[in-house]
């Protein structure tokens, strides 16, 4: 069992089975509540850390490039392990992997309160990302498994609202706590949420979801996948040196090798049939990748801009940055419900267009930009992303068979995290080219402002490409008990 096929990617229906597991209304609510807790926890951590970055940089005397790695190390670790753990969850059980992941994330959060150096901090962020990959790779899959197509958009909208609530509370609470108690205090909040989630899973979450039991795990493919991502991401941080370009080229070659290798595996870690057999899945995933690539680093850059260039405190910065995720949280449930009745791609494309305008507004930031202009740009960006995210996720998850939910969930999260990682890579690249590996000081503020100007130009171009990717997927109706036709 598990022998490779020299001709094509084949999968045995006798091994991959889809259990008929009816879930009561109460059971669905419990599952959704657990997903909501997990959905809140990880983005809260990331957005709170963004506000605390200047304080962390001061504490450990970190330059701009090293400071970007506080966020990037977490994202890189999460995206490295996400697809493999999505497949492992399909084989051994999504509940089991989710539980392990939330436990690791909570333990790493505790370790973050004790780290003595910048190197240790980045190392523990990698452990946090490892735990987060198990959460990302299973939570959406479990929700999709128990909610039928007619209810799925609403459930995913609620889950997405929790994500945006984490993004909303993170800058605000993170700023207050950093000002009052120091940057380490923001990680204490993760611990009780993680403990509560573990307790509810153990006490109330019944059953298990494993729909590819008995398959052989594709370790070689997972290693190729990981090496490609590490090479590309690290290469970004080394630009404009020749070494950085070589690393990026090596990553692209490894990515091509990964695709060719996966096509010959009987049980691939990433089923490429999902892309070849569904145009909706392919272009919805591409749209998500581009959207996150163009928007994630906005809060990172604005956090530094507001504190360095404009002189705001971490608390005030958090209050300002809350504008975008607050609007996202308000719009996401509406957009999710709407995607159960209207073609999800139409809603997502409209959201992508609005996001483009919001990012374009930020191209014109300078030392004299008024605060009201920044807030309006954030509100526009938040509205666009709120319209895009849950309908796009609904389109992706409703375009695959039930036995692929774990892998599809992993791909949804991978597109998000890979996009976020590329977004940080672009920000890191502009810092490396314009500022260099030096600590940001007042005399370097003009160069700092120039670097974020170039980053927002790149992000605007990416958004325009995202609109195209979102529009060219064919019509996908996901209403009714039949579910996806694939």
Protein backbone atom coordinates (compact mmCIF):
# COMPACT_ATOMS: atom_id res chain seq x y z
CA UNK A 1 0.00 0.00 0.00
CA UNK A 2 1.28 3.49 -0.85
CA UNK A 3 3.30 2.50 -3.96
CA UNK A 4 3.82 5.28 -6.44
CA UNK A 5 2.20 5.21 -9.83
CA UNK A 6 4.51 6.09 -12.71
CA UNK A 7 1.71 7.42 -14.88
CA UNK A 8 -0.70 9.50 -12.87
CA UNK A 9 -1.95 10.59 -9.52
CA UNK A 10 -4.40 7.88 -8.42
CA UNK A 11 -6.27 7.51 -5.17
CA UNK A 12 -8.00 4.41 -3.86
CA UNK A 13 -11.68 4.90 -2.99
CA UNK A 14 -11.46 1.82 -0.80
CA UNK A 15 -9.01 3.59 1.48
CA UNK A 16 -10.51 7.09 1.45
CA UNK A 17 -13.97 6.74 2.91
CA UNK A 18 -16.43 9.45 3.91
CA UNK A 19 -18.27 8.47 7.08
CA UNK A 20 -21.92 9.41 7.37
CA UNK A 21 -21.79 11.17 10.72
CA UNK A 22 -25.00 13.06 11.54
CA UNK A 23 -24.48 15.93 13.96
CA UNK A 24 -27.26 17.41 16.11
CA UNK A 25 -28.02 21.12 16.18
CA UNK A 26 -26.39 21.34 19.62
CA UNK A 27 -23.35 19.48 18.34
CA UNK A 28 -23.02 21.93 15.45
CA UNK A 29 -23.16 24.88 17.85
CA UNK A 30 -20.46 23.34 20.04
CA UNK A 31 -18.23 22.76 17.01
CA UNK A 32 -18.81 26.29 15.77
CA UNK A 33 -18.04 27.71 19.23
CA UNK A 34 -14.75 25.79 19.37
CA UNK A 35 -13.87 27.01 15.87
CA UNK A 36 -14.75 30.57 16.91
CA UNK A 37 -12.36 30.40 19.89
CA UNK A 38 -9.57 29.07 17.67
CA UNK A 39 -10.43 31.57 14.95
CA UNK A 40 -10.09 34.43 17.44
CA UNK A 41 -6.90 33.25 19.11
CA UNK A 42 -4.36 33.15 16.29
CA UNK A 43 -5.18 36.47 14.55
CA UNK A 44 -5.39 38.19 17.94
CA UNK A 45 -1.84 37.07 18.66
CA UNK A 46 -0.54 38.25 15.30
CA UNK A 47 -2.22 41.66 15.33
CA UNK A 48 -1.25 42.34 18.97
CA UNK A 49 2.38 41.49 18.18
CA UNK A 50 2.38 43.97 15.27
CA UNK A 51 1.56 46.84 17.63
CA UNK A 52 4.24 45.71 20.08
CA UNK A 53 7.01 45.45 17.46
CA UNK A 54 8.64 48.84 18.14
CA UNK A 55 8.78 47.99 21.86
CA UNK A 56 10.25 44.56 21.06
CA UNK A 57 12.79 46.17 18.73
CA UNK A 58 13.86 48.58 21.43
CA UNK A 59 14.14 45.82 24.05
CA UNK A 60 16.40 43.64 21.89
CA UNK A 61 17.99 46.35 19.65
CA UNK A 62 16.65 44.73 16.48
CA UNK A 63 17.00 46.27 13.01
CA UNK A 64 14.05 46.64 10.62
CA UNK A 65 14.69 43.38 8.79
CA UNK A 66 15.13 41.38 12.00
CA UNK A 67 11.99 42.97 13.42
CA UNK A 68 9.97 41.83 10.41
CA UNK A 69 11.10 38.26 11.17
CA UNK A 70 9.17 38.35 14.48
CA UNK A 71 6.02 38.19 12.36
CA UNK A 72 7.50 36.29 9.41
CA UNK A 73 8.99 33.40 11.44
CA UNK A 74 5.53 32.60 12.81
CA UNK A 75 3.92 32.74 9.36
CA UNK A 76 6.68 30.71 7.72
CA UNK A 77 6.42 27.95 10.32
CA UNK A 78 2.63 27.87 10.04
CA UNK A 79 2.60 27.68 6.26
CA UNK A 80 5.39 25.06 6.18
CA UNK A 81 3.40 22.56 8.21
CA UNK A 82 -0.17 23.50 7.30
CA UNK A 83 -0.71 21.35 4.21
CA UNK A 84 1.10 18.32 5.72
CA UNK A 85 -1.00 18.56 8.88
CA UNK A 86 -4.17 18.99 6.83
CA UNK A 87 -3.38 15.62 5.23
CA UNK A 88 -2.32 14.04 8.54
CA UNK A 89 -5.65 15.19 10.00
CA UNK A 90 -7.53 13.49 7.17
CA UNK A 91 -5.63 10.27 7.90
CA UNK A 92 -5.51 10.22 11.72
CA UNK A 93 -8.34 12.53 12.76
CA UNK A 94 -9.01 16.27 12.61
CA UNK A 95 -10.12 16.54 16.23
CA UNK A 96 -6.90 14.90 17.43
CA UNK A 97 -4.64 17.19 15.39
CA UNK A 98 -6.65 20.28 16.37
CA UNK A 99 -6.28 19.41 20.06
CA UNK A 100 -2.51 18.93 19.78
CA UNK A 101 -2.18 22.20 17.88
CA UNK A 102 -4.09 24.33 20.37
CA UNK A 103 -2.04 22.82 23.21
CA UNK A 104 1.28 23.62 21.51
CA UNK A 105 0.12 27.15 20.69
CA UNK A 106 -0.86 27.82 24.32
CA UNK A 107 2.42 26.41 25.67
CA UNK A 108 4.47 28.49 23.21
CA UNK A 109 2.54 31.60 24.24
CA UNK A 110 3.63 30.98 27.81
CA UNK A 111 7.26 30.58 26.68
CA UNK A 112 7.03 33.94 24.89
CA UNK A 113 6.69 35.64 28.28
CA UNK A 114 10.10 34.26 29.31
CA UNK A 115 12.38 34.64 26.25
CA UNK A 116 15.71 36.37 27.09
CA UNK A 117 16.90 37.31 23.58
CA UNK A 118 15.80 38.13 20.03
CA UNK A 119 17.01 34.75 18.77
CA UNK A 120 14.98 32.88 21.40
CA UNK A 121 11.94 35.04 20.68
CA UNK A 122 12.02 34.17 16.97
CA UNK A 123 12.60 30.48 17.83
CA UNK A 124 9.51 30.38 20.06
CA UNK A 125 7.50 32.18 17.38
CA UNK A 126 8.41 29.27 15.11
CA UNK A 127 6.97 26.86 17.71
CA UNK A 128 3.83 28.99 17.89
CA UNK A 129 3.50 28.76 14.12
CA UNK A 130 3.92 24.97 14.29
CA UNK A 131 0.95 24.74 16.67
CA UNK A 132 -1.07 27.23 14.63
CA UNK A 133 -0.61 25.11 11.48
CA UNK A 134 -2.54 22.28 13.15
CA UNK A 135 -5.33 24.69 14.11
CA UNK A 136 -5.54 26.25 10.65
CA UNK A 137 -5.47 22.88 8.91
CA UNK A 138 -8.44 21.45 10.82
CA UNK A 139 -10.85 24.11 12.10
CA UNK A 140 -12.40 25.09 8.74
CA UNK A 141 -12.45 21.41 7.68
CA UNK A 142 -14.44 20.39 10.78
CA UNK A 143 -16.92 23.24 10.31
CA UNK A 144 -17.33 22.37 6.63
CA UNK A 145 -17.80 18.68 7.49
CA UNK A 146 -20.79 19.26 9.78
CA UNK A 147 -22.57 22.18 8.08
CA UNK A 148 -24.38 21.33 4.80
CA UNK A 149 -24.07 23.65 1.78
CA UNK A 150 -27.21 25.65 2.60
CA UNK A 151 -25.86 26.49 6.09
CA UNK A 152 -22.15 26.56 5.33
CA UNK A 153 -21.81 30.16 4.24
CA UNK A 154 -23.45 31.42 7.42
CA UNK A 155 -21.22 29.19 9.61
CA UNK A 156 -18.07 30.27 7.75
CA UNK A 157 -19.20 33.88 8.06
CA UNK A 158 -19.45 33.50 11.85
CA UNK A 159 -16.02 31.85 11.93
CA UNK A 160 -14.59 34.65 9.79
CA UNK A 161 -16.15 37.20 12.13
CA UNK A 162 -14.22 35.59 15.00
CA UNK A 163 -11.03 35.94 12.98
CA UNK A 164 -11.76 39.61 12.39
CA UNK A 165 -12.73 40.10 16.03
CA UNK A 166 -9.27 38.80 16.95
CA UNK A 167 -7.78 41.26 14.47
CA UNK A 168 -9.95 44.01 15.95
CA UNK A 169 -9.20 43.39 19.62
CA UNK A 170 -5.50 42.60 19.03
CA UNK A 171 -4.19 46.08 18.16
CA UNK A 172 -6.44 47.80 20.73
CA UNK A 173 -5.77 45.50 23.68
CA UNK A 174 -2.19 44.84 22.61
CA UNK A 175 -1.46 48.55 22.55
CA UNK A 176 -2.99 49.14 25.98
CA UNK A 177 -1.15 46.20 27.55
CA UNK A 178 2.18 47.07 25.92
CA UNK A 179 1.91 50.61 27.29
CA UNK A 180 0.80 49.52 30.77
CA UNK A 181 2.62 46.22 31.39
CA UNK A 182 5.21 45.76 28.63
CA UNK A 183 5.13 43.76 25.41
CA UNK A 184 5.36 40.35 27.11
CA UNK A 185 1.94 40.83 28.71
CA UNK A 186 0.10 40.40 25.39
CA UNK A 187 0.95 36.69 25.33
CA UNK A 188 -0.72 36.02 28.67
CA UNK A 189 -4.13 36.49 27.04
CA UNK A 190 -3.56 33.49 24.74
CA UNK A 191 -3.09 31.08 27.64
CA UNK A 192 -6.62 31.03 29.19
CA UNK A 193 -8.24 30.97 25.73
CA UNK A 194 -6.12 27.98 24.73
CA UNK A 195 -6.85 26.19 28.02
CA UNK A 196 -10.61 26.83 27.69
CA UNK A 197 -10.61 25.53 24.10
CA UNK A 198 -8.75 22.35 25.09
CA UNK A 199 -11.19 21.75 27.96
CA UNK A 200 -14.26 22.16 25.72
CA UNK A 201 -12.82 19.88 23.03
CA UNK A 202 -12.10 17.13 25.58
CA UNK A 203 -15.41 17.50 27.41
CA UNK A 204 -17.91 18.25 24.64
CA UNK A 205 -16.57 17.50 21.17
CA UNK A 206 -17.74 13.98 20.34
CA UNK A 207 -16.66 11.80 17.46
CA UNK A 208 -13.81 12.16 15.03
CA UNK A 209 -13.38 13.18 11.40
CA UNK A 210 -10.93 11.08 9.39
CA UNK A 211 -11.82 10.37 5.82
CA UNK A 212 -8.55 9.01 4.43
CA UNK A 213 -7.80 6.45 7.13
CA UNK A 214 -5.10 3.98 6.12
CA UNK A 215 -3.37 6.17 3.54
CA UNK A 216 0.40 6.49 3.56
CA UNK A 217 1.66 9.98 4.48
CA UNK A 218 3.75 11.66 1.75
CA UNK A 219 6.85 12.65 3.75
CA UNK A 220 9.09 13.28 0.73
CA UNK A 221 6.55 15.62 -0.86
CA UNK A 222 6.15 17.48 2.44
CA UNK A 223 9.93 18.03 2.66
CA UNK A 224 10.11 19.34 -0.91
CA UNK A 225 7.18 21.66 -0.20
CA UNK A 226 8.83 23.02 2.94
CA UNK A 227 12.25 23.56 1.36
CA UNK A 228 10.70 25.51 -1.53
CA UNK A 229 8.88 27.87 0.83
CA UNK A 230 11.89 28.44 3.09
CA UNK A 231 14.16 29.20 0.12
CA UNK A 232 11.76 31.74 -1.40
CA UNK A 233 10.97 33.50 1.87
CA UNK A 234 14.53 33.71 3.12
CA UNK A 235 15.59 34.86 -0.33
CA UNK A 236 13.23 37.83 -0.05
CA UNK A 237 14.91 38.96 3.16
CA UNK A 238 18.38 38.72 1.54
CA UNK A 239 17.56 40.95 -1.44
CA UNK A 240 19.05 42.89 -3.16
CA UNK A 241 22.11 40.62 -2.76
CA UNK A 242 22.86 37.95 -5.36
CA UNK A 243 22.49 35.34 -2.61
CA UNK A 244 18.84 36.37 -2.16
CA UNK A 245 18.16 36.00 -5.88
CA UNK A 246 19.80 32.56 -5.93
CA UNK A 247 17.67 31.41 -3.00
CA UNK A 248 14.46 32.59 -4.68
CA UNK A 249 15.43 30.82 -7.91
CA UNK A 250 16.23 27.65 -5.95
CA UNK A 251 12.83 27.88 -4.25
CA UNK A 252 11.06 28.16 -7.61
CA UNK A 253 12.96 25.12 -8.93
CA UNK A 254 12.04 23.15 -5.80
CA UNK A 255 8.40 24.20 -6.22
CA UNK A 256 8.38 22.86 -9.79
CA UNK A 257 10.02 19.64 -8.57
CA UNK A 258 7.33 19.36 -5.89
CA UNK A 259 4.54 19.66 -8.45
CA UNK A 260 6.12 17.03 -10.72
CA UNK A 261 6.75 14.71 -7.77
CA UNK A 262 3.18 15.02 -6.44
CA UNK A 263 1.71 14.12 -9.83
CA UNK A 264 3.35 10.69 -9.56
CA UNK A 265 2.23 9.86 -6.01
CA UNK A 266 -0.67 7.62 -5.18
CA UNK A 267 -1.30 9.46 -1.92
CA UNK A 268 0.10 12.99 -2.39
CA UNK A 269 0.29 15.43 0.52
CA UNK A 270 -1.35 17.96 -1.81
CA UNK A 271 -3.83 16.55 -4.28
CA UNK A 272 -3.21 18.54 -7.46
CA UNK A 273 -6.44 17.11 -8.87
CA UNK A 274 -8.22 19.74 -6.80
CA UNK A 275 -6.66 22.38 -9.05
CA UNK A 276 -6.92 20.53 -12.36
CA UNK A 277 -10.55 19.42 -11.93
CA UNK A 278 -12.08 22.61 -10.53
CA UNK A 279 -11.62 26.03 -12.07
CA UNK A 280 -13.53 27.53 -9.14
CA UNK A 281 -11.13 25.98 -6.64
CA UNK A 282 -8.05 27.05 -8.61
CA UNK A 283 -8.93 30.68 -9.17
CA UNK A 284 -10.61 31.17 -5.81
CA UNK A 285 -7.40 29.92 -4.17
CA UNK A 286 -5.31 32.19 -6.40
CA UNK A 287 -7.53 35.16 -5.54
CA UNK A 288 -7.08 34.45 -1.83
CA UNK A 289 -3.30 34.20 -2.23
CA UNK A 290 -3.12 37.53 -4.04
CA UNK A 291 -5.54 39.25 -1.67
CA UNK A 292 -3.55 38.35 1.43
CA UNK A 293 -0.26 39.12 -0.34
CA UNK A 294 -1.53 42.63 -1.01
CA UNK A 295 -3.16 43.40 2.33
CA UNK A 296 -1.58 41.59 5.29
CA UNK A 297 1.50 43.78 5.72
CA UNK A 298 -0.67 46.91 5.77
CA UNK A 299 -1.17 46.69 9.55
CA UNK A 300 2.52 45.91 10.09
CA UNK A 301 3.65 48.91 8.03
CA UNK A 302 1.02 51.25 9.47
CA UNK A 303 1.92 50.20 13.02
CA UNK A 304 5.52 51.25 12.41
CA UNK A 305 4.48 54.36 10.45
CA UNK A 306 2.09 55.60 13.14
CA UNK A 307 4.62 55.09 15.94
CA UNK A 308 7.79 56.19 14.14
CA UNK A 309 6.69 58.84 11.65
CA UNK A 310 3.57 60.17 13.42
CA UNK A 311 4.77 59.68 17.00
CA UNK A 312 1.70 57.84 18.34
CA UNK A 313 1.91 55.58 21.39
CA UNK A 314 1.26 51.82 21.06
CA UNK A 315 -2.16 52.33 22.69
CA UNK A 316 -3.20 55.08 20.26
CA UNK A 317 -1.81 53.10 17.33
CA UNK A 318 -3.92 50.11 18.34
CA UNK A 319 -7.05 52.24 18.51
CA UNK A 320 -6.41 53.63 15.01
CA UNK A 321 -5.64 50.24 13.46
CA UNK A 322 -8.84 48.77 14.87
CA UNK A 323 -10.83 50.57 12.15
CA UNK A 324 -10.20 47.98 9.41
CA UNK A 325 -10.90 44.72 11.30
CA UNK A 326 -13.92 46.32 13.03
CA UNK A 327 -15.52 46.96 9.65
CA UNK A 328 -14.47 43.48 8.52
CA UNK A 329 -16.14 41.89 11.53
CA UNK A 330 -19.37 43.78 10.85
CA UNK A 331 -19.54 42.84 7.16
CA UNK A 332 -18.26 39.23 7.17
CA UNK A 333 -21.42 37.52 8.58
CA UNK A 334 -23.61 39.38 6.08
CA UNK A 335 -21.27 38.46 3.21
CA UNK A 336 -21.20 34.81 4.34
CA UNK A 337 -25.01 34.54 4.45
CA UNK A 338 -25.27 36.31 1.11
CA UNK A 339 -22.89 33.78 -0.46
CA UNK A 340 -25.40 31.00 0.36
CA UNK A 341 -27.90 32.70 -1.98
CA UNK A 342 -25.78 34.58 -4.54
CA UNK A 343 -22.79 33.44 -6.57
CA UNK A 344 -19.87 33.73 -4.08
CA UNK A 345 -17.42 34.83 -6.77
CA UNK A 346 -19.45 37.96 -7.53
CA UNK A 347 -19.39 39.07 -3.89
CA UNK A 348 -15.71 38.22 -3.48
CA UNK A 349 -14.77 40.11 -6.67
CA UNK A 350 -16.59 43.22 -5.45
CA UNK A 351 -14.69 42.95 -2.18
CA UNK A 352 -11.40 42.64 -4.03
CA UNK A 353 -12.16 45.79 -6.01
CA UNK A 354 -12.91 47.78 -2.84
CA UNK A 355 -9.72 46.47 -1.20
CA UNK A 356 -7.72 47.69 -4.20
CA UNK A 357 -9.00 51.24 -3.70
CA UNK A 358 -8.19 51.11 0.02
CA UNK A 359 -4.59 50.01 -0.59
CA UNK A 360 -4.20 52.59 -3.37
CA UNK A 361 -5.14 55.35 -0.90
CA UNK A 362 -2.17 54.35 1.28
CA UNK A 363 0.30 54.91 -1.57
CA UNK A 364 0.11 58.63 -0.81
CA UNK A 365 1.11 58.47 2.86
CA UNK A 366 3.68 61.02 3.99
CA UNK A 367 4.82 62.65 7.20
CA UNK A 368 1.99 65.19 6.92
CA UNK A 369 -0.90 62.87 6.01
CA UNK A 370 -3.90 63.69 8.25
CA UNK A 371 -5.23 61.00 10.56
CA UNK A 372 -8.74 61.12 9.09
CA UNK A 373 -7.34 60.07 5.70
CA UNK A 374 -5.61 57.03 7.21
CA UNK A 375 -8.79 55.98 9.04
CA UNK A 376 -10.91 56.29 5.87
CA UNK A 377 -8.38 54.14 3.96
CA UNK A 378 -8.57 51.51 6.71
CA UNK A 379 -12.39 51.54 6.66
CA UNK A 380 -12.42 51.07 2.88
CA UNK A 381 -9.86 48.27 3.13
CA UNK A 382 -11.84 46.59 5.91
CA UNK A 383 -15.08 46.75 3.92
CA UNK A 384 -13.43 45.18 0.91
CA UNK A 385 -11.82 42.38 2.86
CA UNK A 386 -15.03 41.69 4.78
CA UNK A 387 -16.85 41.17 1.48
CA UNK A 388 -14.07 39.03 0.03
CA UNK A 389 -13.03 36.50 2.66
CA UNK A 390 -15.99 34.35 3.72
CA UNK A 391 -17.64 34.17 0.22
CA UNK A 392 -14.29 33.19 -1.27
CA UNK A 393 -13.79 30.49 1.40
CA UNK A 394 -17.34 29.25 0.77
CA UNK A 395 -16.61 29.01 -2.96
CA UNK A 396 -13.42 26.99 -2.31
CA UNK A 397 -14.87 24.55 0.24
CA UNK A 398 -18.08 24.01 -1.76
CA UNK A 399 -16.15 23.08 -4.91
CA UNK A 400 -14.52 19.89 -3.52
CA UNK A 401 -15.66 16.46 -2.42
CA UNK A 402 -16.12 15.74 1.25
CA UNK A 403 -13.07 13.49 1.47
CA UNK A 404 -10.89 16.46 0.45
CA UNK A 405 -12.18 18.81 3.16
CA UNK A 406 -9.04 18.47 5.29
CA UNK A 407 -6.67 19.16 2.41
CA UNK A 408 -8.93 21.92 1.04
CA UNK A 409 -9.10 23.51 4.48
CA UNK A 410 -5.32 23.31 4.61
CA UNK A 411 -5.08 24.96 1.20
CA UNK A 412 -7.50 27.74 2.25
CA UNK A 413 -5.31 28.48 5.24
CA UNK A 414 -2.13 27.98 3.20
CA UNK A 415 -3.25 30.58 0.67
CA UNK A 416 -3.94 32.95 3.54
CA UNK A 417 -0.66 32.30 5.37
CA UNK A 418 1.45 32.09 2.21
CA UNK A 419 -0.08 35.37 1.09
CA UNK A 420 0.64 36.90 4.48
CA UNK A 421 4.18 35.58 4.33
CA UNK A 422 4.73 36.98 0.82
CA UNK A 423 3.24 40.28 1.97
CA UNK A 424 5.77 40.42 4.81
CA UNK A 425 8.45 39.35 2.34
CA UNK A 426 7.65 42.34 0.14
CA UNK A 427 7.77 44.66 3.18
CA UNK A 428 11.07 43.08 4.27
CA UNK A 429 12.47 43.44 0.76
CA UNK A 430 11.65 47.16 0.59
CA UNK A 431 13.25 47.70 4.02
CA UNK A 432 16.37 45.77 2.96
CA UNK A 433 16.72 47.72 -0.31
CA UNK A 434 15.85 51.24 0.90
CA UNK A 435 16.95 51.27 4.56
CA UNK A 436 19.29 48.31 4.96
CA UNK A 437 19.93 46.26 8.09
CA UNK A 438 19.96 49.11 10.59
CA UNK A 439 17.75 50.09 13.49
CA UNK A 440 15.09 52.66 12.51
CA UNK A 441 16.06 56.01 14.04
CA UNK A 442 14.64 59.53 13.43
CA UNK A 443 17.29 60.40 10.85
CA UNK A 444 16.13 57.39 8.79
CA UNK A 445 12.43 58.29 8.82
CA UNK A 446 12.50 59.71 5.24
CA UNK A 447 13.94 56.42 3.95
CA UNK A 448 11.43 54.50 6.05
CA UNK A 449 8.54 56.48 4.53
CA UNK A 450 9.94 55.86 1.05
CA UNK A 451 10.12 52.11 1.67
CA UNK A 452 6.46 51.86 2.72
CA UNK A 453 5.49 54.02 -0.29
CA UNK A 454 7.10 51.48 -2.64
CA UNK A 455 5.49 48.59 -0.73
CA UNK A 456 1.99 50.05 -1.14
CA UNK A 457 2.57 50.56 -4.88
CA UNK A 458 3.44 46.86 -5.20
CA UNK A 459 0.39 45.90 -3.11
CA UNK A 460 -1.91 47.97 -5.35
CA UNK A 461 -0.64 46.20 -8.46
CA UNK A 462 -1.18 42.83 -6.76
CA UNK A 463 -4.76 43.80 -5.87
CA UNK A 464 -5.48 44.58 -9.52
CA UNK A 465 -4.23 41.10 -10.46
CA UNK A 466 -6.45 39.69 -7.72
CA UNK A 467 -9.55 41.26 -9.24
CA UNK A 468 -8.79 39.47 -12.51
CA UNK A 469 -8.23 36.11 -10.77
CA UNK A 470 -11.48 36.50 -8.86
CA UNK A 471 -13.54 37.39 -11.94
CA UNK A 472 -12.41 34.61 -14.29
CA UNK A 473 -13.65 31.66 -12.20
CA UNK A 474 -16.84 30.22 -13.68
CA UNK A 475 -20.19 30.44 -11.95
CA UNK A 476 -20.42 28.38 -8.76
CA UNK A 477 -23.79 27.76 -7.14
CA UNK A 478 -23.49 26.11 -3.74
CA UNK A 479 -27.13 26.08 -2.67
CA UNK A 480 -29.01 22.90 -1.91
CA UNK A 481 -28.43 19.53 -0.32
CA UNK A 482 -26.51 18.04 -3.20
CA UNK A 483 -23.36 20.02 -2.49
CA UNK A 484 -20.51 20.23 -4.95
CA UNK A 485 -20.75 18.32 -8.18
CA UNK A 486 -17.10 17.43 -8.30
